[in-house]
Amino acid sequence: MIPTWKDVMKFKLKENPIIFDLGGYMGDWTQIAKEYHSDSIIYVFEPVKKHYDIIVNRFINDSSVKVFNFGLSDKNDFVKITLTGDSS
């Protein structure tokens, strides 16, 4: 059996969890996380501008979703990102 995203989100979190979505793409994972943990604050990092804009618009009325237009790393750098759907 291949687990679905909803299977992955069934783990137990404390009340009011802080969740990080690293590589938000279109915001699907964030949406599922909010369904299972509606009391959460989610920080979404998406370096691709067009995907960032989609996520911002998708959660424009949800102040508990914070979206940032950059990736996370242990150093400051500019890197080339190859766009291949949700495997970018």
C-alpha atoms as a PDB file:
ATOM      1  CA  MET A   1       0.000   0.000   0.000  1.00  0.00           C
ATOM      2  CA  ILE A   2       1.321   3.435  -0.939  1.00  0.00           C
ATOM      3  CA  PRO A   3       0.453   6.011   1.740  1.00  0.00           C
ATOM      4  CA  THR A   4      -1.447   9.126   0.742  1.00  0.00           C
ATOM      5  CA  TRP A   5      -0.701  12.614   2.054  1.00  0.00           C
ATOM      6  CA  LYS A   6      -3.699  12.241   4.352  1.00  0.00           C
ATOM      7  CA  ASP A   7      -2.154   9.055   5.783  1.00  0.00           C
ATOM      8  CA  VAL A   8       1.032  10.965   6.552  1.00  0.00           C
ATOM      9  CA  MET A   9      -0.873  13.771   8.288  1.00  0.00           C
ATOM     10  CA  LYS A  10      -2.509  11.414  10.810  1.00  0.00           C
ATOM     11  CA  PHE A  11       0.310  11.703  13.348  1.00  0.00           C
ATOM     12  CA  LYS A  12      -0.521  13.294  16.683  1.00  0.00           C
ATOM     13  CA  LEU A  13       0.622  16.862  17.313  1.00  0.00           C
ATOM     14  CA  LYS A  14       0.217  18.977  20.413  1.00  0.00           C
ATOM     15  CA  GLU A  15      -2.392  21.734  20.441  1.00  0.00           C
ATOM     16  CA  ASN A  16      -1.563  24.822  18.370  1.00  0.00           C
ATOM     17  CA  PRO A  17       1.377  23.225  16.526  1.00  0.00           C
ATOM     18  CA  ILE A  18       3.820  25.159  14.390  1.00  0.00           C
ATOM     19  CA  ILE A  19       4.343  23.374  11.068  1.00  0.00           C
ATOM     20  CA  PHE A  20       6.908  24.048   8.336  1.00  0.00           C
ATOM     21  CA  ASP A  21       6.168  23.250   4.684  1.00  0.00           C
ATOM     22  CA  LEU A  22       9.526  23.332   2.912  1.00  0.00           C
ATOM     23  CA  GLY A  23       8.837  23.610  -0.795  1.00  0.00           C
ATOM     24  CA  GLY A  24       5.161  24.541  -0.824  1.00  0.00           C
ATOM     25  CA  TYR A  25       4.609  24.021  -4.581  1.00  0.00           C
ATOM     26  CA  MET A  26       0.835  24.638  -4.964  1.00  0.00           C
ATOM     27  CA  GLY A  27      -0.073  24.473  -1.266  1.00  0.00           C
ATOM     28  CA  ASP A  28      -1.707  21.020  -1.309  1.00  0.00           C
ATOM     29  CA  TRP A  29       0.284  19.690   1.657  1.00  0.00           C
ATOM     30  CA  THR A  30      -0.479  22.862   3.611  1.00  0.00           C
ATOM     31  CA  GLN A  31      -4.197  22.446   2.864  1.00  0.00           C
ATOM     32  CA  ILE A  32      -4.154  18.869   4.178  1.00  0.00           C
ATOM     33  CA  ALA A  33      -2.177  19.945   7.261  1.00  0.00           C
ATOM     34  CA  LYS A  34      -4.821  22.625   7.979  1.00  0.00           C
ATOM     35  CA  GLU A  35      -7.610  20.047   7.594  1.00  0.00           C
ATOM     36  CA  TYR A  36      -6.016  17.812  10.246  1.00  0.00           C
ATOM     37  CA  HIS A  37      -4.584  20.586  12.428  1.00  0.00           C
ATOM     38  CA  SER A  38      -6.871  23.598  12.042  1.00  0.00           C
ATOM     39  CA  ASP A  39      -5.321  25.225  15.130  1.00  0.00           C
ATOM     40  CA  SER A  40      -1.836  25.204  13.568  1.00  0.00           C
ATOM     41  CA  ILE A  41       0.353  27.997  12.290  1.00  0.00           C
ATOM     42  CA  ILE A  42       2.070  26.946   9.075  1.00  0.00           C
ATOM     43  CA  TYR A  43       5.175  28.545   7.614  1.00  0.00           C
ATOM     44  CA  VAL A  44       5.449  27.788   3.896  1.00  0.00           C
ATOM     45  CA  PHE A  45       8.701  28.313   1.983  1.00  0.00           C
ATOM     46  CA  GLU A  46       8.437  28.306  -1.817  1.00  0.00           C
ATOM     47  CA  PRO A  47      11.298  29.757  -3.901  1.00  0.00           C
ATOM     48  CA  VAL A  48       9.515  29.613  -7.286  1.00  0.00           C
ATOM     49  CA  LYS A  49       7.665  32.922  -7.679  1.00  0.00           C
ATOM     50  CA  LYS A  50       4.693  31.579  -9.682  1.00  0.00           C
ATOM     51  CA  HIS A  51       4.105  28.806  -7.104  1.00  0.00           C
ATOM     52  CA  TYR A  52       4.569  31.271  -4.241  1.00  0.00           C
ATOM     53  CA  ASP A  53       1.900  33.520  -5.787  1.00  0.00           C
ATOM     54  CA  ILE A  54      -0.518  30.575  -6.075  1.00  0.00           C
ATOM     55  CA  ILE A  55      -0.040  29.701  -2.394  1.00  0.00           C
ATOM     56  CA  VAL A  56      -0.432  33.329  -1.290  1.00  0.00           C
ATOM     57  CA  ASN A  57      -3.703  33.611  -3.212  1.00  0.00           C
ATOM     58  CA  ARG A  58      -4.918  30.230  -1.999  1.00  0.00           C
ATOM     59  CA  PHE A  59      -4.489  31.184   1.670  1.00  0.00           C
ATOM     60  CA  ILE A  60      -5.078  34.934   1.378  1.00  0.00           C
ATOM     61  CA  ASN A  61      -7.844  34.806   3.997  1.00  0.00           C
ATOM     62  CA  ASP A  62      -5.975  32.542   6.432  1.00  0.00           C
ATOM     63  CA  SER A  63      -3.608  34.555   8.607  1.00  0.00           C
ATOM     64  CA  SER A  64      -2.302  31.351  10.208  1.00  0.00           C
ATOM     65  CA  VAL A  65      -0.515  30.433   6.941  1.00  0.00           C
ATOM     66  CA  LYS A  66       2.673  32.462   6.473  1.00  0.00           C
ATOM     67  CA  VAL A  67       4.218  32.205   2.989  1.00  0.00           C
ATOM     68  CA  PHE A  68       7.798  33.140   2.078  1.00  0.00           C
ATOM     69  CA  ASN A  69       9.276  33.427  -1.424  1.00  0.00           C
ATOM     70  CA  PHE A  70      12.594  31.717  -0.742  1.00  0.00           C
ATOM     71  CA  GLY A  71      14.001  28.323   0.166  1.00  0.00           C
ATOM     72  CA  LEU A  72      15.882  27.311   3.289  1.00  0.00           C
ATOM     73  CA  SER A  73      19.524  26.320   3.438  1.00  0.00           C
ATOM     74  CA  ASP A  74      22.548  26.451   5.708  1.00  0.00           C
ATOM     75  CA  LYS A  75      24.066  29.217   3.518  1.00  0.00           C
ATOM     76  CA  ASN A  76      23.056  32.223   1.440  1.00  0.00           C
ATOM     77  CA  ASP A  77      23.275  31.407  -2.249  1.00  0.00           C
ATOM     78  CA  PHE A  78      21.525  31.657  -5.581  1.00  0.00           C
ATOM     79  CA  VAL A  79      20.770  28.319  -7.214  1.00  0.00           C
ATOM     80  CA  LYS A  80      19.085  27.212 -10.415  1.00  0.00           C
ATOM     81  CA  ILE A  81      15.787  25.405  -9.908  1.00  0.00           C
ATOM     82  CA  THR A  82      14.530  22.973 -12.515  1.00  0.00           C
ATOM     83  CA  LEU A  83      10.747  22.993 -12.881  1.00  0.00           C
ATOM     84  CA  THR A  84       9.245  19.522 -13.283  1.00  0.00           C
ATOM     85  CA  GLY A  85       5.869  19.700 -11.558  1.00  0.00           C
ATOM     86  CA  ASP A  86       5.837  18.732  -7.901  1.00  0.00           C
ATOM     87  CA  SER A  87       9.342  17.251  -8.251  1.00  0.00           C
ATOM     88  CA  SER A  88      11.039  20.592  -8.864  1.00  0.00           C
END
